[in-house]
Amino acid sequence: MPKIKLSSNMAQEAQRLMFTSNKMTQAMINGMRKSLQRVGLISAQDYLQGPRPEKLGIVSGRLIRSLMGGPSFAGGLKETGAPAVSRNEGIRVIKKIGDMISGIIGTDVPYARIHEYGGIIKNAWGRGIIVHMPERSYLRTAGHQADQSGEIDDIFQDEVDGVKHD
């Protein structure tokens, strides 16, 4: 009677699957990083360069730099006359919790919120003037545009395809 013996090296297969899983996780983190960069770029190009009054215009470039990840020299010269130390006012956070990867893009520029959501400034320029700021969303609108156009899906798909071809 003919016989064959089949065997499998489970430890080796488990190690291969773990390696692939780690590469896939890194690909998803890279996809999230690139997606956040894309949203920042869309925001800067499409919503922070006018035309006014529908969109914000460039005054100092501080808000654009924060969304693009560049340093800000807010504060001008120090009392000593030395230039202020640069700092990054952009917010980029990527978290992996269980099987979920999430990302946040934002800015710490003080006037960013009032432009994104609109509202009332009760003491504008320190003169007791009340200013009604219209909502001119530059970040939520850019995120929605990137998502609806399929760009975000394409970024993640490219990263996953890269793992498949390794």
Protein backbone atom coordinates (compact mmCIF):
# COMPACT_ATOMS: atom_id res chain seq x y z
CA MET A 1 0.00 0.00 0.00
CA PRO A 2 1.51 3.36 -1.03
CA LYS A 3 1.94 5.90 1.76
CA ILE A 4 3.15 9.47 2.00
CA LYS A 5 4.03 11.44 5.05
CA LEU A 6 3.15 15.13 5.29
CA SER A 7 4.72 17.42 7.81
CA SER A 8 4.73 21.12 8.56
CA ASN A 9 7.06 23.29 10.50
CA MET A 10 4.48 25.27 12.51
CA ALA A 11 7.07 27.38 14.31
CA GLN A 12 8.60 28.51 11.02
CA GLU A 13 5.17 29.26 9.53
CA ALA A 14 4.12 31.18 12.65
CA GLN A 15 7.32 33.23 12.45
CA ARG A 16 6.67 34.02 8.77
CA LEU A 17 3.10 35.12 9.55
CA MET A 18 4.31 37.29 12.42
CA PHE A 19 6.90 38.93 10.15
CA THR A 20 4.22 39.61 7.52
CA SER A 21 1.87 40.96 10.19
CA ASN A 22 4.57 43.35 11.47
CA LYS A 23 5.29 44.53 7.92
CA MET A 24 1.57 45.09 7.32
CA THR A 25 1.27 47.08 10.55
CA GLN A 26 4.22 49.25 9.52
CA ALA A 27 2.67 49.71 6.07
CA MET A 28 -0.57 50.93 7.66
CA ILE A 29 1.33 53.35 9.90
CA ASN A 30 3.21 54.64 6.84
CA GLY A 31 -0.11 54.98 5.02
CA MET A 32 -1.53 57.02 7.89
CA ARG A 33 1.56 59.27 7.97
CA LYS A 34 1.32 59.87 4.21
CA SER A 35 -2.44 60.48 4.48
CA LEU A 36 -1.93 63.13 7.16
CA GLN A 37 0.74 64.76 4.98
CA ARG A 38 -1.68 64.78 2.05
CA VAL A 39 -4.44 66.42 4.08
CA GLY A 40 -1.97 69.08 5.25
CA LEU A 41 -0.88 69.73 1.66
CA ILE A 42 -4.46 70.01 0.37
CA SER A 43 -5.28 72.38 3.21
CA ALA A 44 -2.28 74.58 2.44
CA GLN A 45 -2.74 74.59 -1.34
CA ASP A 46 -6.50 74.73 -1.69
CA TYR A 47 -7.79 76.54 1.40
CA LEU A 48 -5.05 78.78 2.84
CA GLN A 49 -4.00 80.78 -0.20
CA GLY A 50 -7.17 82.74 -0.93
CA PRO A 51 -9.10 84.12 -2.58
CA ARG A 52 -10.49 86.14 0.29
CA PRO A 53 -13.02 86.35 1.84
CA GLU A 54 -14.23 82.81 1.03
CA LYS A 55 -10.87 81.28 1.96
CA LEU A 56 -8.02 82.42 4.15
CA GLY A 57 -5.12 84.23 2.56
CA ILE A 58 -1.46 84.11 3.49
CA VAL A 59 -0.44 86.75 6.01
CA SER A 60 2.57 85.27 7.81
CA GLY A 61 2.60 81.68 6.53
CA ARG A 62 2.59 80.43 10.13
CA LEU A 63 -0.61 78.39 9.77
CA ILE A 64 0.59 76.76 6.54
CA ARG A 65 3.98 75.91 8.09
CA SER A 66 2.26 74.29 11.06
CA LEU A 67 0.15 72.05 8.82
CA MET A 68 3.10 71.17 6.58
CA GLY A 69 5.31 70.31 9.54
CA GLY A 70 7.65 73.28 9.25
CA PRO A 71 9.05 75.31 12.15
CA SER A 72 7.59 78.61 13.30
CA PHE A 73 9.59 81.54 14.58
CA ALA A 74 6.58 83.10 16.31
CA GLY A 75 7.55 85.63 18.92
CA GLY A 76 10.10 87.53 16.86
CA LEU A 77 13.25 88.60 18.67
CA LYS A 78 13.97 87.78 22.28
CA GLU A 79 14.64 90.63 24.70
CA THR A 80 18.36 90.05 24.12
CA GLY A 81 17.91 90.74 20.43
CA ALA A 82 18.59 87.11 19.54
CA PRO A 83 16.11 85.41 17.22
CA ALA A 84 13.37 83.37 18.84
CA VAL A 85 13.87 79.63 18.93
CA SER A 86 11.93 77.82 16.24
CA ARG A 87 9.21 75.39 17.23
CA ASN A 88 6.84 73.14 15.41
CA GLU A 89 3.24 74.16 15.99
CA GLY A 90 1.84 71.31 13.93
CA ILE A 91 0.09 68.33 15.48
CA ARG A 92 0.60 64.87 13.98
CA VAL A 93 -0.35 61.88 16.08
CA ILE A 94 -0.58 58.27 14.94
CA LYS A 95 -1.84 55.66 17.37
CA LYS A 96 -2.18 51.90 17.11
CA ILE A 97 -4.65 50.41 19.53
CA GLY A 98 -5.32 46.74 18.94
CA ASP A 99 -6.06 46.33 15.23
CA MET A 100 -6.99 50.01 14.77
CA ILE A 101 -4.62 52.70 13.51
CA SER A 102 -5.80 56.29 13.81
CA GLY A 103 -4.25 59.61 12.92
CA ILE A 104 -4.72 63.22 13.93
CA ILE A 105 -3.52 66.32 12.12
CA GLY A 106 -3.92 69.74 13.64
CA THR A 107 -2.21 72.94 14.66
CA ASP A 108 -1.35 74.82 17.83
CA VAL A 109 -1.37 78.20 16.08
CA PRO A 110 -3.51 80.38 18.39
CA TYR A 111 -5.84 81.80 15.72
CA ALA A 112 -6.35 78.50 13.87
CA ARG A 113 -9.52 77.50 15.73
CA ILE A 114 -11.44 80.72 15.10
CA HIS A 115 -10.76 80.46 11.36
CA GLU A 116 -11.67 76.75 11.18
CA TYR A 117 -14.96 77.04 13.10
CA GLY A 118 -15.82 80.73 13.03
CA GLY A 119 -17.08 82.60 16.05
CA ILE A 120 -17.03 85.90 17.87
CA ILE A 121 -13.91 87.69 19.08
CA LYS A 122 -15.01 89.96 21.91
CA ASN A 123 -11.82 91.97 22.39
CA ALA A 124 -10.21 92.05 18.96
CA TRP A 125 -6.76 93.60 18.85
CA GLY A 126 -7.13 94.43 22.57
CA ARG A 127 -9.39 97.37 21.72
CA GLY A 128 -12.74 96.05 22.93
CA ILE A 129 -13.94 95.59 19.34
CA ILE A 130 -16.33 92.73 18.60
CA VAL A 131 -15.56 90.83 15.40
CA HIS A 132 -17.76 88.13 13.88
CA MET A 133 -15.44 85.66 12.14
CA PRO A 134 -17.04 83.45 9.49
CA GLU A 135 -16.27 79.75 9.39
CA ARG A 136 -13.60 79.13 6.75
CA SER A 137 -12.75 75.50 7.31
CA TYR A 138 -9.36 74.69 5.88
CA LEU A 139 -8.60 71.44 7.74
CA ARG A 140 -11.91 69.56 7.94
CA THR A 141 -12.66 70.50 4.34
CA ALA A 142 -9.24 69.26 3.19
CA GLY A 143 -9.72 65.97 5.07
CA HIS A 144 -13.16 65.49 3.55
CA GLN A 145 -11.82 66.29 0.07
CA ALA A 146 -8.96 63.78 0.39
CA ASP A 147 -11.32 61.10 1.68
CA GLN A 148 -14.06 61.64 -0.90
CA SER A 149 -11.64 61.77 -3.83
CA GLY A 150 -10.29 58.32 -2.93
CA GLU A 151 -6.76 59.65 -2.33
CA ILE A 152 -6.62 58.25 1.21
CA ASP A 153 -7.73 54.79 0.04
CA ASP A 154 -5.12 54.92 -2.74
CA ILE A 155 -2.35 55.81 -0.29
CA PHE A 156 -3.20 52.87 1.96
CA GLN A 157 -3.59 50.51 -1.00
CA ASP A 158 -0.14 51.46 -2.29
CA GLU A 159 1.37 50.67 1.11
CA VAL A 160 -0.41 47.29 1.34
CA ASP A 161 0.60 46.43 -2.25
CA GLY A 162 4.20 47.14 -1.26
CA VAL A 163 4.00 44.47 1.45
CA LYS A 164 2.42 41.98 -0.95
CA HIS A 165 5.27 42.40 -3.42
CA ASP A 166 8.06 41.94 -0.87
